Amino acid sequence: MNIIEFELRGAFIPLDALLKATGLAPSGGAAKALVAAGGVQVDGQLELRKTAKLRAGQVVQVNQAGGCAIRLLAGSS
């Protein structure tokens, strides 16, 4: 499983924006479709809220093409 470390620029990032920013979804619409299809887990729990606010310390797992995990890190501000 590939692990991506993503540094936040603010207090949170919406789930669909994170998927697009990391390149796991080519567009916002594709990111929303991926979430709606049940292809995303946050901290081990299925997440169906497309714009769920994600914060530092959380781990997002995407169950496509072998799987990928995104670890959210606090920004250096």
PDB file of N, CA and C in Angstrom:
ATOM      1  N   MET A   1       0.840  -1.180   0.000  1.00  0.00           N
ATOM      2  CA  MET A   1       0.000   0.000   0.000  1.00  0.00           C
ATOM      3  C   MET A   1       0.883   1.240   0.000  1.00  0.00           C
ATOM      4  N   ASN A   2       0.592   2.131  -0.898  1.00  0.00           N
ATOM      5  CA  ASN A   2       1.320   3.388  -1.007  1.00  0.00           C
ATOM      6  C   ASN A   2       0.844   4.350   0.084  1.00  0.00           C
ATOM      7  N   ILE A   3       1.782   5.052   0.741  1.00  0.00           N
ATOM      8  CA  ILE A   3       1.431   6.021   1.784  1.00  0.00           C
ATOM      9  C   ILE A   3       1.879   7.405   1.347  1.00  0.00           C
ATOM     10  N   ILE A   4       0.936   8.343   1.381  1.00  0.00           N
ATOM     11  CA  ILE A   4       1.200   9.739   1.025  1.00  0.00           C
ATOM     12  C   ILE A   4       1.103  10.569   2.297  1.00  0.00           C
ATOM     13  N   GLU A   5       2.083  11.420   2.544  1.00  0.00           N
ATOM     14  CA  GLU A   5       2.002  12.348   3.667  1.00  0.00           C
ATOM     15  C   GLU A   5       1.608  13.702   3.107  1.00  0.00           C
ATOM     16  N   PHE A   6       0.512  14.264   3.623  1.00  0.00           N
ATOM     17  CA  PHE A   6      -0.036  15.512   3.111  1.00  0.00           C
ATOM     18  C   PHE A   6      -0.046  16.545   4.227  1.00  0.00           C
ATOM     19  N   GLU A   7       0.620  17.673   3.993  1.00  0.00           N
ATOM     20  CA  GLU A   7       0.691  18.735   4.990  1.00  0.00           C
ATOM     21  C   GLU A   7      -0.452  19.726   4.776  1.00  0.00           C
ATOM     22  N   LEU A   8      -1.226  19.932   5.823  1.00  0.00           N
ATOM     23  CA  LEU A   8      -2.345  20.861   5.757  1.00  0.00           C
ATOM     24  C   LEU A   8      -1.859  22.301   5.734  1.00  0.00           C
ATOM     25  N   ARG A   9      -2.590  23.153   5.026  1.00  0.00           N
ATOM     26  CA  ARG A   9      -2.273  24.583   4.995  1.00  0.00           C
ATOM     27  C   ARG A   9      -3.130  25.367   5.973  1.00  0.00           C
ATOM     28  N   GLY A  10      -4.203  24.747   6.444  1.00  0.00           N
ATOM     29  CA  GLY A  10      -5.105  25.370   7.417  1.00  0.00           C
ATOM     30  C   GLY A  10      -5.453  24.360   8.483  1.00  0.00           C
ATOM     31  N   ALA A  11      -6.570  24.588   9.152  1.00  0.00           N
ATOM     32  CA  ALA A  11      -6.988  23.681  10.224  1.00  0.00           C
ATOM     33  C   ALA A  11      -7.555  22.376   9.687  1.00  0.00           C
ATOM     34  N   PHE A  12      -8.137  22.406   8.478  1.00  0.00           N
ATOM     35  CA  PHE A  12      -8.756  21.208   7.908  1.00  0.00           C
ATOM     36  C   PHE A  12      -8.769  21.300   6.389  1.00  0.00           C
ATOM     37  N   ILE A  13      -9.120  20.164   5.755  1.00  0.00           N
ATOM     38  CA  ILE A  13      -9.326  20.119   4.316  1.00  0.00           C
ATOM     39  C   ILE A  13     -10.533  19.210   4.061  1.00  0.00           C
ATOM     40  N   PRO A  14     -11.427  19.601   3.166  1.00  0.00           N
ATOM     41  CA  PRO A  14     -12.551  18.719   2.824  1.00  0.00           C
ATOM     42  C   PRO A  14     -12.047  17.458   2.120  1.00  0.00           C
ATOM     43  N   LEU A  15     -12.719  16.352   2.356  1.00  0.00           N
ATOM     44  CA  LEU A  15     -12.301  15.064   1.806  1.00  0.00           C
ATOM     45  C   LEU A  15     -12.169  15.096   0.288  1.00  0.00           C
ATOM     46  N   ASP A  16     -13.158  15.636  -0.415  1.00  0.00           N
ATOM     47  CA  ASP A  16     -13.083  15.650  -1.880  1.00  0.00           C
ATOM     48  C   ASP A  16     -11.904  16.481  -2.373  1.00  0.00           C
ATOM     49  N   ALA A  17     -11.608  17.594  -1.690  1.00  0.00           N
ATOM     50  CA  ALA A  17     -10.467  18.437  -2.070  1.00  0.00           C
ATOM     51  C   ALA A  17      -9.143  17.709  -1.840  1.00  0.00           C
ATOM     52  N   LEU A  18      -9.067  16.912  -0.769  1.00  0.00           N
ATOM     53  CA  LEU A  18      -7.855  16.141  -0.490  1.00  0.00           C
ATOM     54  C   LEU A  18      -7.597  15.109  -1.580  1.00  0.00           C
ATOM     55  N   LEU A  19      -8.635  14.407  -1.990  1.00  0.00           N
ATOM     56  CA  LEU A  19      -8.475  13.395  -3.037  1.00  0.00           C
ATOM     57  C   LEU A  19      -8.008  14.016  -4.341  1.00  0.00           C
ATOM     58  N   LYS A  20      -8.510  15.196  -4.648  1.00  0.00           N
ATOM     59  CA  LYS A  20      -8.094  15.897  -5.869  1.00  0.00           C
ATOM     60  C   LYS A  20      -6.658  16.423  -5.724  1.00  0.00           C
ATOM     61  N   ALA A  21      -6.339  17.003  -4.567  1.00  0.00           N
ATOM     62  CA  ALA A  21      -5.007  17.587  -4.341  1.00  0.00           C
ATOM     63  C   ALA A  21      -3.898  16.538  -4.377  1.00  0.00           C
ATOM     64  N   THR A  22      -4.190  15.316  -3.947  1.00  0.00           N
ATOM     65  CA  THR A  22      -3.185  14.262  -3.939  1.00  0.00           C
ATOM     66  C   THR A  22      -3.114  13.513  -5.269  1.00  0.00           C
ATOM     67  N   GLY A  23      -4.026  13.831  -6.192  1.00  0.00           N
ATOM     68  CA  GLY A  23      -4.018  13.187  -7.499  1.00  0.00           C
ATOM     69  C   GLY A  23      -4.708  11.829  -7.523  1.00  0.00           C
ATOM     70  N   LEU A  24      -5.365  11.469  -6.430  1.00  0.00           N
ATOM     71  CA  LEU A  24      -6.079  10.195  -6.395  1.00  0.00           C
ATOM     72  C   LEU A  24      -7.403  10.271  -7.147  1.00  0.00           C
ATOM     73  N   ALA A  25      -7.854  11.480  -7.407  1.00  0.00           N
ATOM     74  CA  ALA A  25      -9.044  11.710  -8.234  1.00  0.00           C
ATOM     75  C   ALA A  25      -8.693  12.828  -9.215  1.00  0.00           C
ATOM     76  N   PRO A  26      -9.006  12.653 -10.494  1.00  0.00           N
ATOM     77  CA  PRO A  26      -8.631  13.654 -11.494  1.00  0.00           C
ATOM     78  C   PRO A  26      -9.446  14.948 -11.422  1.00  0.00           C
ATOM     79  N   SER A  27     -10.596  14.907 -10.740  1.00  0.00           N
ATOM     80  CA  SER A  27     -11.441  16.094 -10.638  1.00  0.00           C
ATOM     81  C   SER A  27     -12.251  16.024  -9.352  1.00  0.00           C
ATOM     82  N   GLY A  28     -12.882  17.136  -9.012  1.00  0.00           N
ATOM     83  CA  GLY A  28     -13.738  17.156  -7.836  1.00  0.00           C
ATOM     84  C   GLY A  28     -14.919  16.215  -7.987  1.00  0.00           C
ATOM     85  N   GLY A  29     -15.471  16.152  -9.193  1.00  0.00           N
ATOM     86  CA  GLY A  29     -16.596  15.254  -9.446  1.00  0.00           C
ATOM     87  C   GLY A  29     -16.207  13.798  -9.285  1.00  0.00           C
ATOM     88  N   ALA A  30     -15.025  13.455  -9.760  1.00  0.00           N
ATOM     89  CA  ALA A  30     -14.536  12.078  -9.614  1.00  0.00           C
ATOM     90  C   ALA A  30     -14.283  11.758  -8.145  1.00  0.00           C
ATOM     91  N   ALA A  31     -13.794  12.733  -7.390  1.00  0.00           N
ATOM     92  CA  ALA A  31     -13.557  12.534  -5.953  1.00  0.00           C
ATOM     93  C   ALA A  31     -14.875  12.278  -5.234  1.00  0.00           C
ATOM     94  N   LYS A  32     -15.891  13.056  -5.558  1.00  0.00           N
ATOM     95  CA  LYS A  32     -17.202  12.879  -4.927  1.00  0.00           C
ATOM     96  C   LYS A  32     -17.810  11.532  -5.289  1.00  0.00           C
ATOM     97  N   ALA A  33     -17.625  11.094  -6.528  1.00  0.00           N
ATOM     98  CA  ALA A  33     -18.142   9.795  -6.962  1.00  0.00           C
ATOM     99  C   ALA A  33     -17.438   8.660  -6.227  1.00  0.00           C
ATOM    100  N   LEU A  34     -16.135   8.797  -6.019  1.00  0.00           N
ATOM    101  CA  LEU A  34     -15.364   7.781  -5.304  1.00  0.00           C
ATOM    102  C   LEU A  34     -15.867   7.635  -3.867  1.00  0.00           C
ATOM    103  N   VAL A  35     -16.107   8.766  -3.217  1.00  0.00           N
ATOM    104  CA  VAL A  35     -16.611   8.740  -1.845  1.00  0.00           C
ATOM    105  C   VAL A  35     -18.010   8.130  -1.813  1.00  0.00           C
ATOM    106  N   ALA A  36     -18.878   8.560  -2.728  1.00  0.00           N
ATOM    107  CA  ALA A  36     -20.255   8.066  -2.771  1.00  0.00           C
ATOM    108  C   ALA A  36     -20.315   6.557  -3.028  1.00  0.00           C
ATOM    109  N   ALA A  37     -19.338   6.031  -3.757  1.00  0.00           N
ATOM    110  CA  ALA A  37     -19.298   4.601  -4.077  1.00  0.00           C
ATOM    111  C   ALA A  37     -18.769   3.759  -2.911  1.00  0.00           C
ATOM    112  N   GLY A  38     -18.381   4.412  -1.822  1.00  0.00           N
ATOM    113  CA  GLY A  38     -17.889   3.674  -0.659  1.00  0.00           C
ATOM    114  C   GLY A  38     -16.428   3.282  -0.765  1.00  0.00           C
ATOM    115  N   GLY A  39     -15.661   4.005  -1.561  1.00  0.00           N
ATOM    116  CA  GLY A  39     -14.264   3.658  -1.774  1.00  0.00           C
ATOM    117  C   GLY A  39     -13.281   4.337  -0.847  1.00  0.00           C
ATOM    118  N   VAL A  40     -13.772   5.015   0.212  1.00  0.00           N
ATOM    119  CA  VAL A  40     -12.879   5.773   1.087  1.00  0.00           C
ATOM    120  C   VAL A  40     -13.197   5.483   2.552  1.00  0.00           C
ATOM    121  N   GLN A  41     -12.136   5.319   3.330  1.00  0.00           N
ATOM    122  CA  GLN A  41     -12.270   5.164   4.779  1.00  0.00           C
ATOM    123  C   GLN A  41     -11.436   6.238   5.455  1.00  0.00           C
ATOM    124  N   VAL A  42     -11.937   6.749   6.576  1.00  0.00           N
ATOM    125  CA  VAL A  42     -11.195   7.708   7.387  1.00  0.00           C
ATOM    126  C   VAL A  42     -11.021   7.084   8.765  1.00  0.00           C
ATOM    127  N   ASP A  43      -9.787   6.932   9.182  1.00  0.00           N
ATOM    128  CA  ASP A  43      -9.454   6.300  10.460  1.00  0.00           C
ATOM    129  C   ASP A  43     -10.134   4.939  10.605  1.00  0.00           C
ATOM    130  N   GLY A  44     -10.159   4.178   9.505  1.00  0.00           N
ATOM    131  CA  GLY A  44     -10.691   2.822   9.538  1.00  0.00           C
ATOM    132  C   GLY A  44     -12.203   2.704   9.418  1.00  0.00           C
ATOM    133  N   GLN A  45     -12.905   3.820   9.289  1.00  0.00           N
ATOM    134  CA  GLN A  45     -14.363   3.814   9.189  1.00  0.00           C
ATOM    135  C   GLN A  45     -14.792   4.302   7.808  1.00  0.00           C
ATOM    136  N   LEU A  46     -15.788   3.645   7.223  1.00  0.00           N
ATOM    137  CA  LEU A  46     -16.325   4.059   5.939  1.00  0.00           C
ATOM    138  C   LEU A  46     -16.798   5.502   6.035  1.00  0.00           C
ATOM    139  N   GLU A  47     -16.417   6.329   5.062  1.00  0.00           N
ATOM    140  CA  GLU A  47     -16.803   7.740   5.049  1.00  0.00           C
ATOM    141  C   GLU A  47     -17.595   8.027   3.788  1.00  0.00           C
ATOM    142  N   LEU A  48     -18.841   8.454   3.949  1.00  0.00           N
ATOM    143  CA  LEU A  48     -19.701   8.760   2.805  1.00  0.00           C
ATOM    144  C   LEU A  48     -19.982  10.252   2.670  1.00  0.00           C
ATOM    145  N   ARG A  49     -19.469  11.063   3.596  1.00  0.00           N
ATOM    146  CA  ARG A  49     -19.648  12.518   3.496  1.00  0.00           C
ATOM    147  C   ARG A  49     -18.559  13.069   2.577  1.00  0.00           C
ATOM    148  N   LYS A  50     -18.959  13.568   1.445  1.00  0.00           N
ATOM    149  CA  LYS A  50     -18.007  14.016   0.424  1.00  0.00           C
ATOM    150  C   LYS A  50     -17.137  15.178   0.890  1.00  0.00           C
ATOM    151  N   THR A  51     -17.685  16.042   1.732  1.00  0.00           N
ATOM    152  CA  THR A  51     -16.926  17.206   2.181  1.00  0.00           C
ATOM    153  C   THR A  51     -16.593  17.121   3.673  1.00  0.00           C
ATOM    154  N   ALA A  52     -16.408  15.905   4.177  1.00  0.00           N
ATOM    155  CA  ALA A  52     -16.026  15.725   5.585  1.00  0.00           C
ATOM    156  C   ALA A  52     -14.753  16.513   5.870  1.00  0.00           C
ATOM    157  N   LYS A  53     -14.725  17.226   6.990  1.00  0.00           N
ATOM    158  CA  LYS A  53     -13.551  18.022   7.353  1.00  0.00           C
ATOM    159  C   LYS A  53     -12.501  17.111   7.972  1.00  0.00           C
ATOM    160  N   LEU A  54     -11.353  17.062   7.349  1.00  0.00           N
ATOM    161  CA  LEU A  54     -10.255  16.217   7.818  1.00  0.00           C
ATOM    162  C   LEU A  54      -9.196  17.084   8.478  1.00  0.00           C
ATOM    163  N   ARG A  55      -8.656  16.593   9.566  1.00  0.00           N
ATOM    164  CA  ARG A  55      -7.674  17.353  10.346  1.00  0.00           C
ATOM    165  C   ARG A  55      -6.377  16.549  10.517  1.00  0.00           C
ATOM    166  N   ALA A  56      -5.345  17.244  10.981  1.00  0.00           N
ATOM    167  CA  ALA A  56      -4.040  16.609  11.193  1.00  0.00           C
ATOM    168  C   ALA A  56      -4.188  15.403  12.109  1.00  0.00           C
ATOM    169  N   GLY A  57      -3.460  14.346  11.793  1.00  0.00           N
ATOM    170  CA  GLY A  57      -3.473  13.126  12.583  1.00  0.00           C
ATOM    171  C   GLY A  57      -4.396  12.056  12.032  1.00  0.00           C
ATOM    172  N   GLN A  58      -5.292  12.431  11.126  1.00  0.00           N
ATOM    173  CA  GLN A  58      -6.197  11.451  10.563  1.00  0.00           C
ATOM    174  C   GLN A  58      -5.532  10.732   9.383  1.00  0.00           C
ATOM    175  N   VAL A  59      -6.020   9.523   9.111  1.00  0.00           N
ATOM    176  CA  VAL A  59      -5.512   8.719   8.000  1.00  0.00           C
ATOM    177  C   VAL A  59      -6.687   8.363   7.095  1.00  0.00           C
ATOM    178  N   VAL A  60      -6.519   8.650   5.816  1.00  0.00           N
ATOM    179  CA  VAL A  60      -7.542   8.360   4.813  1.00  0.00           C
ATOM    180  C   VAL A  60      -7.053   7.200   3.960  1.00  0.00           C
ATOM    181  N   GLN A  61      -7.883   6.170   3.807  1.00  0.00           N
ATOM    182  CA  GLN A  61      -7.539   5.033   2.953  1.00  0.00           C
ATOM    183  C   GLN A  61      -8.447   5.033   1.740  1.00  0.00           C
ATOM    184  N   VAL A  62      -7.833   4.891   0.573  1.00  0.00           N
ATOM    185  CA  VAL A  62      -8.578   4.835  -0.679  1.00  0.00           C
ATOM    186  C   VAL A  62      -8.430   3.426  -1.225  1.00  0.00           C
ATOM    187  N   ASN A  63      -9.543   2.768  -1.452  1.00  0.00           N
ATOM    188  CA  ASN A  63      -9.546   1.371  -1.875  1.00  0.00           C
ATOM    189  C   ASN A  63      -9.700   1.258  -3.382  1.00  0.00           C
ATOM    190  N   GLN A  64      -8.695   1.699  -4.106  1.00  0.00           N
ATOM    191  CA  GLN A  64      -8.711   1.577  -5.565  1.00  0.00           C
ATOM    192  C   GLN A  64      -7.289   1.313  -6.040  1.00  0.00           C
ATOM    193  N   ALA A  65      -7.165   0.548  -7.089  1.00  0.00           N
ATOM    194  CA  ALA A  65      -5.867   0.268  -7.720  1.00  0.00           C
ATOM    195  C   ALA A  65      -4.795  -0.127  -6.700  1.00  0.00           C
ATOM    196  N   GLY A  66      -5.082  -1.122  -5.876  1.00  0.00           N
ATOM    197  CA  GLY A  66      -4.084  -1.592  -4.923  1.00  0.00           C
ATOM    198  C   GLY A  66      -4.113  -0.885  -3.591  1.00  0.00           C
ATOM    199  N   GLY A  67      -4.823   0.200  -3.500  1.00  0.00           N
ATOM    200  CA  GLY A  67      -4.976   0.918  -2.245  1.00  0.00           C
ATOM    201  C   GLY A  67      -3.913   1.954  -2.001  1.00  0.00           C
ATOM    202  N   CYS A  68      -4.298   2.962  -1.259  1.00  0.00           N
ATOM    203  CA  CYS A  68      -3.408   4.067  -0.936  1.00  0.00           C
ATOM    204  C   CYS A  68      -3.876   4.660   0.391  1.00  0.00           C
ATOM    205  N   ALA A  69      -2.928   5.123   1.194  1.00  0.00           N
ATOM    206  CA  ALA A  69      -3.266   5.791   2.453  1.00  0.00           C
ATOM    207  C   ALA A  69      -2.677   7.191   2.451  1.00  0.00           C
ATOM    208  N   ILE A  70      -3.442   8.126   2.980  1.00  0.00           N
ATOM    209  CA  ILE A  70      -2.971   9.518   3.097  1.00  0.00           C
ATOM    210  C   ILE A  70      -2.932   9.851   4.575  1.00  0.00           C
ATOM    211  N   ARG A  71      -1.747  10.231   5.052  1.00  0.00           N
ATOM    212  CA  ARG A  71      -1.585  10.648   6.444  1.00  0.00           C
ATOM    213  C   ARG A  71      -1.543  12.163   6.469  1.00  0.00           C
ATOM    214  N   LEU A  72      -2.462  12.777   7.227  1.00  0.00           N
ATOM    215  CA  LEU A  72      -2.546  14.229   7.296  1.00  0.00           C
ATOM    216  C   LEU A  72      -1.615  14.774   8.379  1.00  0.00           C
ATOM    217  N   LEU A  73      -0.802  15.732   7.993  1.00  0.00           N
ATOM    218  CA  LEU A  73       0.166  16.329   8.911  1.00  0.00           C
ATOM    219  C   LEU A  73      -0.192  17.786   9.156  1.00  0.00           C
ATOM    220  N   ALA A  74       0.108  18.289  10.341  1.00  0.00           N
ATOM    221  CA  ALA A  74      -0.126  19.696  10.653  1.00  0.00           C
ATOM    222  C   ALA A  74       0.812  20.554   9.822  1.00  0.00           C
ATOM    223  N   GLY A  75       0.307  21.679   9.367  1.00  0.00           N
ATOM    224  CA  GLY A  75       1.125  22.610   8.588  1.00  0.00           C
ATOM    225  C   GLY A  75       2.101  23.340   9.479  1.00  0.00           C
ATOM    226  N   SER A  76       3.144  23.875   8.891  1.00  0.00           N
ATOM    227  CA  SER A  76       4.161  24.601   9.647  1.00  0.00           C
ATOM    228  C   SER A  76       3.867  26.083   9.594  1.00  0.00           C
ATOM    229  N   SER A  77       2.828  26.496  10.325  1.00  0.00           N
ATOM    230  CA  SER A  77       2.450  27.926  10.337  1.00  0.00           C
ATOM    231  C   SER A  77       2.558  28.516  11.698  1.00  0.00           C
TER     232      SER A  77
END
